[in-house]
Amino acid sequence: MLRFVVIVSLAIATPALTSSLTPSMAADPATKQASAPVVPTATFVAQAAFGNMFEIESSKLALDRSKAGPVKAFAQRMVDDHSAAAVRFKEAVLEAKLAMPPDKLDAKHRAIVGELAGKQGGDFDKAYIEVQYKAHVETVDLFKGYAQGGEDTRMRAFAAELLPTLQAHLDHVTKMR
């Protein structure tokens, strides 16, 4: 019953929230304020794991390939922050008594890393920043949605805990674009 009340309340509140967005906020996914979609816990766990591994792998590639100081600094931050997040993520999954997600990248993210690996110099830097931007837009939406309405309490707390860091990454990479 409570779930029904929450869903009805959100359905009523959502038009008011979205109508208060300025046109520029609605058009730019990096700044949108509307509620993010909520995915099932198993989907959240898998997507969070793949996204985190992608951040680490693509950023290690950037540390190796890029010659630009700001890009290398951002990549190092991604490796450091997402490596720490991986530890907290595994703890949260164990505490929630959920199945551990795969420990290898999915096909989508492997393909993106493969495309990056084929680039050099400024082309690499531009492509890396662009994929980081897109990945962080997706990840912020995923974590925001799960933090607001995910079904598992422990994973919801993890999403809420990590969300400010992910938003800071998105803000940083948005400026770099």
C-alpha atoms as a PDB file:
ATOM      1  CA  MET A   1       0.000   0.000   0.000  1.00  0.00           C
ATOM      2  CA  LEU A   2       2.798   2.403   0.910  1.00  0.00           C
ATOM      3  CA  ARG A   3       4.489   1.673  -2.415  1.00  0.00           C
ATOM      4  CA  PHE A   4       1.232   2.556  -4.230  1.00  0.00           C
ATOM      5  CA  VAL A   5       0.974   5.846  -2.307  1.00  0.00           C
ATOM      6  CA  VAL A   6       4.588   6.737  -3.167  1.00  0.00           C
ATOM      7  CA  ILE A   7       4.075   5.901  -6.844  1.00  0.00           C
ATOM      8  CA  VAL A   8       0.871   7.948  -7.014  1.00  0.00           C
ATOM      9  CA  SER A   9       2.570  10.838  -5.195  1.00  0.00           C
ATOM     10  CA  LEU A  10       5.467  10.752  -7.637  1.00  0.00           C
ATOM     11  CA  ALA A  11       3.113  10.607 -10.601  1.00  0.00           C
ATOM     12  CA  ILE A  12       1.340  13.702  -9.341  1.00  0.00           C
ATOM     13  CA  ALA A  13       4.557  15.551  -8.435  1.00  0.00           C
ATOM     14  CA  THR A  14       6.520  14.705 -11.593  1.00  0.00           C
ATOM     15  CA  PRO A  15       4.687  17.096 -13.958  1.00  0.00           C
ATOM     16  CA  ALA A  16       5.208  19.930 -11.490  1.00  0.00           C
ATOM     17  CA  LEU A  17       8.903  19.150 -11.226  1.00  0.00           C
ATOM     18  CA  THR A  18       9.475  18.875 -14.946  1.00  0.00           C
ATOM     19  CA  SER A  19       7.476  22.005 -15.753  1.00  0.00           C
ATOM     20  CA  SER A  20       9.723  24.013 -13.416  1.00  0.00           C
ATOM     21  CA  LEU A  21      12.837  23.096 -15.392  1.00  0.00           C
ATOM     22  CA  THR A  22      14.279  25.819 -17.531  1.00  0.00           C
ATOM     23  CA  PRO A  23      14.632  24.890 -21.213  1.00  0.00           C
ATOM     24  CA  SER A  24      18.433  24.693 -20.907  1.00  0.00           C
ATOM     25  CA  MET A  25      18.201  22.374 -17.903  1.00  0.00           C
ATOM     26  CA  ALA A  26      15.827  20.049 -19.704  1.00  0.00           C
ATOM     27  CA  ALA A  27      18.054  19.946 -22.789  1.00  0.00           C
ATOM     28  CA  ASP A  28      21.358  19.202 -20.992  1.00  0.00           C
ATOM     29  CA  PRO A  29      21.427  15.796 -19.289  1.00  0.00           C
ATOM     30  CA  ALA A  30      24.344  16.908 -17.108  1.00  0.00           C
ATOM     31  CA  THR A  31      22.178  19.439 -15.282  1.00  0.00           C
ATOM     32  CA  LYS A  32      18.717  17.921 -15.336  1.00  0.00           C
ATOM     33  CA  GLN A  33      16.943  17.911 -12.010  1.00  0.00           C
ATOM     34  CA  ALA A  34      14.019  15.573 -12.704  1.00  0.00           C
ATOM     35  CA  SER A  35      13.846  12.150 -11.086  1.00  0.00           C
ATOM     36  CA  ALA A  36      16.060   9.567 -12.678  1.00  0.00           C
ATOM     37  CA  PRO A  37      14.611   6.180 -13.638  1.00  0.00           C
ATOM     38  CA  VAL A  38      14.890   3.391 -11.068  1.00  0.00           C
ATOM     39  CA  VAL A  39      16.189   0.026 -12.246  1.00  0.00           C
ATOM     40  CA  PRO A  40      15.913  -3.333 -10.473  1.00  0.00           C
ATOM     41  CA  THR A  41      18.694  -4.104  -7.998  1.00  0.00           C
ATOM     42  CA  ALA A  42      20.352  -6.753 -10.174  1.00  0.00           C
ATOM     43  CA  THR A  43      20.476  -4.280 -13.073  1.00  0.00           C
ATOM     44  CA  PHE A  44      21.866  -1.544 -10.829  1.00  0.00           C
ATOM     45  CA  VAL A  45      24.594  -3.849  -9.505  1.00  0.00           C
ATOM     46  CA  ALA A  46      25.615  -5.014 -12.987  1.00  0.00           C
ATOM     47  CA  GLN A  47      25.561  -1.530 -14.536  1.00  0.00           C
ATOM     48  CA  ALA A  48      27.431  -0.011 -11.604  1.00  0.00           C
ATOM     49  CA  ALA A  49      30.111  -2.720 -11.832  1.00  0.00           C
ATOM     50  CA  PHE A  50      30.535  -2.377 -15.597  1.00  0.00           C
ATOM     51  CA  GLY A  51      30.630   1.417 -15.388  1.00  0.00           C
ATOM     52  CA  ASN A  52      33.204   1.389 -12.620  1.00  0.00           C
ATOM     53  CA  MET A  53      35.459  -1.083 -14.443  1.00  0.00           C
ATOM     54  CA  PHE A  54      35.108   0.989 -17.599  1.00  0.00           C
ATOM     55  CA  GLU A  55      36.179   4.156 -15.786  1.00  0.00           C
ATOM     56  CA  ILE A  56      39.286   2.432 -14.466  1.00  0.00           C
ATOM     57  CA  GLU A  57      40.274   0.700 -17.725  1.00  0.00           C
ATOM     58  CA  SER A  58      39.653   3.665 -20.007  1.00  0.00           C
ATOM     59  CA  SER A  59      41.425   6.001 -17.601  1.00  0.00           C
ATOM     60  CA  LYS A  60      44.468   3.727 -17.332  1.00  0.00           C
ATOM     61  CA  LEU A  61      44.576   3.856 -21.117  1.00  0.00           C
ATOM     62  CA  ALA A  62      44.425   7.663 -20.930  1.00  0.00           C
ATOM     63  CA  LEU A  63      47.321   7.713 -18.457  1.00  0.00           C
ATOM     64  CA  ASP A  64      49.335   5.724 -20.977  1.00  0.00           C
ATOM     65  CA  ARG A  65      48.245   7.527 -24.164  1.00  0.00           C
ATOM     66  CA  SER A  66      47.580  11.154 -23.330  1.00  0.00           C
ATOM     67  CA  LYS A  67      50.241  13.825 -23.356  1.00  0.00           C
ATOM     68  CA  ALA A  68      47.896  16.545 -22.051  1.00  0.00           C
ATOM     69  CA  GLY A  69      48.361  17.388 -18.377  1.00  0.00           C
ATOM     70  CA  PRO A  70      44.664  18.111 -17.625  1.00  0.00           C
ATOM     71  CA  VAL A  71      43.575  14.865 -19.291  1.00  0.00           C
ATOM     72  CA  LYS A  72      46.185  12.838 -17.393  1.00  0.00           C
ATOM     73  CA  ALA A  73      45.195  14.511 -14.107  1.00  0.00           C
ATOM     74  CA  PHE A  74      41.522  13.731 -14.722  1.00  0.00           C
ATOM     75  CA  ALA A  75      42.374  10.144 -15.692  1.00  0.00           C
ATOM     76  CA  GLN A  76      44.392   9.677 -12.497  1.00  0.00           C
ATOM     77  CA  ARG A  77      41.477  10.996 -10.467  1.00  0.00           C
ATOM     78  CA  MET A  78      39.187   8.503 -12.219  1.00  0.00           C
ATOM     79  CA  VAL A  79      41.530   5.590 -11.472  1.00  0.00           C
ATOM     80  CA  ASP A  80      41.905   6.628  -7.823  1.00  0.00           C
ATOM     81  CA  ASP A  81      38.250   7.428  -7.134  1.00  0.00           C
ATOM     82  CA  HIS A  82      36.806   4.465  -9.027  1.00  0.00           C
ATOM     83  CA  SER A  83      39.299   2.016  -7.493  1.00  0.00           C
ATOM     84  CA  ALA A  84      38.181   3.186  -4.048  1.00  0.00           C
ATOM     85  CA  ALA A  85      34.551   2.960  -5.171  1.00  0.00           C
ATOM     86  CA  ALA A  86      35.135  -0.638  -6.304  1.00  0.00           C
ATOM     87  CA  VAL A  87      36.150  -1.587  -2.761  1.00  0.00           C
ATOM     88  CA  ARG A  88      33.083   0.105  -1.229  1.00  0.00           C
ATOM     89  CA  PHE A  89      30.880  -1.429  -3.921  1.00  0.00           C
ATOM     90  CA  LYS A  90      32.037  -4.985  -3.161  1.00  0.00           C
ATOM     91  CA  GLU A  91      31.472  -4.380   0.556  1.00  0.00           C
ATOM     92  CA  ALA A  92      27.948  -3.100  -0.132  1.00  0.00           C
ATOM     93  CA  VAL A  93      27.108  -6.061  -2.381  1.00  0.00           C
ATOM     94  CA  LEU A  94      28.350  -8.507   0.276  1.00  0.00           C
ATOM     95  CA  GLU A  95      26.456  -6.702   3.059  1.00  0.00           C
ATOM     96  CA  ALA A  96      23.295  -6.746   0.954  1.00  0.00           C
ATOM     97  CA  LYS A  97      23.847 -10.478   0.360  1.00  0.00           C
ATOM     98  CA  LEU A  98      23.552 -10.041  -3.393  1.00  0.00           C
ATOM     99  CA  ALA A  99      25.295 -11.989  -6.138  1.00  0.00           C
ATOM    100  CA  MET A 100      28.603 -10.475  -7.194  1.00  0.00           C
ATOM    101  CA  PRO A 101      28.477  -9.056 -10.712  1.00  0.00           C
ATOM    102  CA  PRO A 102      30.858 -10.193 -13.455  1.00  0.00           C
ATOM    103  CA  ASP A 103      34.433  -9.000 -13.018  1.00  0.00           C
ATOM    104  CA  LYS A 104      35.024  -8.323 -16.717  1.00  0.00           C
ATOM    105  CA  LEU A 105      33.725  -5.555 -18.934  1.00  0.00           C
ATOM    106  CA  ASP A 106      30.560  -6.120 -20.913  1.00  0.00           C
ATOM    107  CA  ALA A 107      30.642  -6.004 -24.722  1.00  0.00           C
ATOM    108  CA  LYS A 108      29.457  -2.367 -24.892  1.00  0.00           C
ATOM    109  CA  HIS A 109      32.278  -1.067 -22.706  1.00  0.00           C
ATOM    110  CA  ARG A 110      34.916  -3.369 -24.249  1.00  0.00           C
ATOM    111  CA  ALA A 111      34.025  -1.915 -27.649  1.00  0.00           C
ATOM    112  CA  ILE A 112      34.438   1.656 -26.377  1.00  0.00           C
ATOM    113  CA  VAL A 113      37.834   0.855 -24.838  1.00  0.00           C
ATOM    114  CA  GLY A 114      38.813  -0.806 -28.123  1.00  0.00           C
ATOM    115  CA  GLU A 115      37.856   2.308 -30.075  1.00  0.00           C
ATOM    116  CA  LEU A 116      39.837   4.490 -27.682  1.00  0.00           C
ATOM    117  CA  ALA A 117      42.856   2.215 -28.006  1.00  0.00           C
ATOM    118  CA  GLY A 118      42.891   2.902 -31.742  1.00  0.00           C
ATOM    119  CA  LYS A 119      43.308   6.658 -31.260  1.00  0.00           C
ATOM    120  CA  GLN A 120      46.399   8.782 -30.660  1.00  0.00           C
ATOM    121  CA  GLY A 121      47.262  12.314 -29.559  1.00  0.00           C
ATOM    122  CA  GLY A 122      44.566  14.961 -29.629  1.00  0.00           C
ATOM    123  CA  ASP A 123      42.096  12.556 -31.226  1.00  0.00           C
ATOM    124  CA  PHE A 124      42.514  10.241 -28.239  1.00  0.00           C
ATOM    125  CA  ASP A 125      42.103  13.068 -25.719  1.00  0.00           C
ATOM    126  CA  LYS A 126      38.948  14.358 -27.382  1.00  0.00           C
ATOM    127  CA  ALA A 127      37.422  10.871 -27.625  1.00  0.00           C
ATOM    128  CA  TYR A 128      38.374  10.018 -24.028  1.00  0.00           C
ATOM    129  CA  ILE A 129      36.788  13.177 -22.638  1.00  0.00           C
ATOM    130  CA  GLU A 130      33.644  12.581 -24.700  1.00  0.00           C
ATOM    131  CA  VAL A 131      33.207   8.977 -23.544  1.00  0.00           C
ATOM    132  CA  GLN A 132      33.865  10.061 -19.956  1.00  0.00           C
ATOM    133  CA  TYR A 133      31.174  12.691 -20.261  1.00  0.00           C
ATOM    134  CA  LYS A 134      28.629  10.239 -21.676  1.00  0.00           C
ATOM    135  CA  ALA A 135      29.539   7.555 -19.137  1.00  0.00           C
ATOM    136  CA  HIS A 136      29.172   9.962 -16.227  1.00  0.00           C
ATOM    137  CA  VAL A 137      25.818  11.278 -17.462  1.00  0.00           C
ATOM    138  CA  GLU A 138      24.564   7.677 -17.547  1.00  0.00           C
ATOM    139  CA  THR A 139      26.143   6.807 -14.206  1.00  0.00           C
ATOM    140  CA  VAL A 140      24.813   9.869 -12.380  1.00  0.00           C
ATOM    141  CA  ASP A 141      21.315   9.070 -13.672  1.00  0.00           C
ATOM    142  CA  LEU A 142      21.669   5.430 -12.613  1.00  0.00           C
ATOM    143  CA  PHE A 143      22.903   6.278  -9.117  1.00  0.00           C
ATOM    144  CA  LYS A 144      20.451   9.133  -8.639  1.00  0.00           C
ATOM    145  CA  GLY A 145      17.527   6.928  -9.579  1.00  0.00           C
ATOM    146  CA  TYR A 146      18.629   4.076  -7.371  1.00  0.00           C
ATOM    147  CA  ALA A 147      19.447   6.352  -4.423  1.00  0.00           C
ATOM    148  CA  GLN A 148      15.958   7.858  -4.659  1.00  0.00           C
ATOM    149  CA  GLY A 149      13.953   4.686  -5.091  1.00  0.00           C
ATOM    150  CA  GLY A 150      16.007   1.519  -5.299  1.00  0.00           C
ATOM    151  CA  GLU A 151      14.580  -1.593  -3.696  1.00  0.00           C
ATOM    152  CA  ASP A 152      17.624  -2.692  -1.638  1.00  0.00           C
ATOM    153  CA  THR A 153      18.350  -0.494   1.387  1.00  0.00           C
ATOM    154  CA  ARG A 154      22.100  -1.178   1.484  1.00  0.00           C
ATOM    155  CA  MET A 155      22.608  -0.560  -2.236  1.00  0.00           C
ATOM    156  CA  ARG A 156      20.439   2.562  -2.024  1.00  0.00           C
ATOM    157  CA  ALA A 157      22.766   3.867   0.723  1.00  0.00           C
ATOM    158  CA  PHE A 158      25.807   3.023  -1.430  1.00  0.00           C
ATOM    159  CA  ALA A 159      24.313   4.891  -4.403  1.00  0.00           C
ATOM    160  CA  ALA A 160      23.565   7.935  -2.243  1.00  0.00           C
ATOM    161  CA  GLU A 161      27.076   7.841  -0.732  1.00  0.00           C
ATOM    162  CA  LEU A 162      28.814   7.744  -4.119  1.00  0.00           C
ATOM    163  CA  LEU A 163      26.523  10.159  -5.960  1.00  0.00           C
ATOM    164  CA  PRO A 164      28.317  13.401  -4.913  1.00  0.00           C
ATOM    165  CA  THR A 165      31.653  12.035  -6.181  1.00  0.00           C
ATOM    166  CA  LEU A 166      30.104  10.968  -9.464  1.00  0.00           C
ATOM    167  CA  GLN A 167      28.427  14.349  -9.856  1.00  0.00           C
ATOM    168  CA  ALA A 168      31.790  16.057  -9.202  1.00  0.00           C
ATOM    169  CA  HIS A 169      33.339  13.896 -11.939  1.00  0.00           C
ATOM    170  CA  LEU A 170      30.542  14.869 -14.322  1.00  0.00           C
ATOM    171  CA  ASP A 171      30.968  18.548 -13.474  1.00  0.00           C
ATOM    172  CA  HIS A 172      34.728  18.294 -14.034  1.00  0.00           C
ATOM    173  CA  VAL A 173      34.517  16.484 -17.363  1.00  0.00           C
ATOM    174  CA  THR A 174      31.756  18.824 -18.533  1.00  0.00           C
ATOM    175  CA  LYS A 175      34.142  21.750 -18.050  1.00  0.00           C
ATOM    176  CA  MET A 176      36.872  19.873 -19.919  1.00  0.00           C
ATOM    177  CA  ARG A 177      34.640  19.360 -22.966  1.00  0.00           C
END
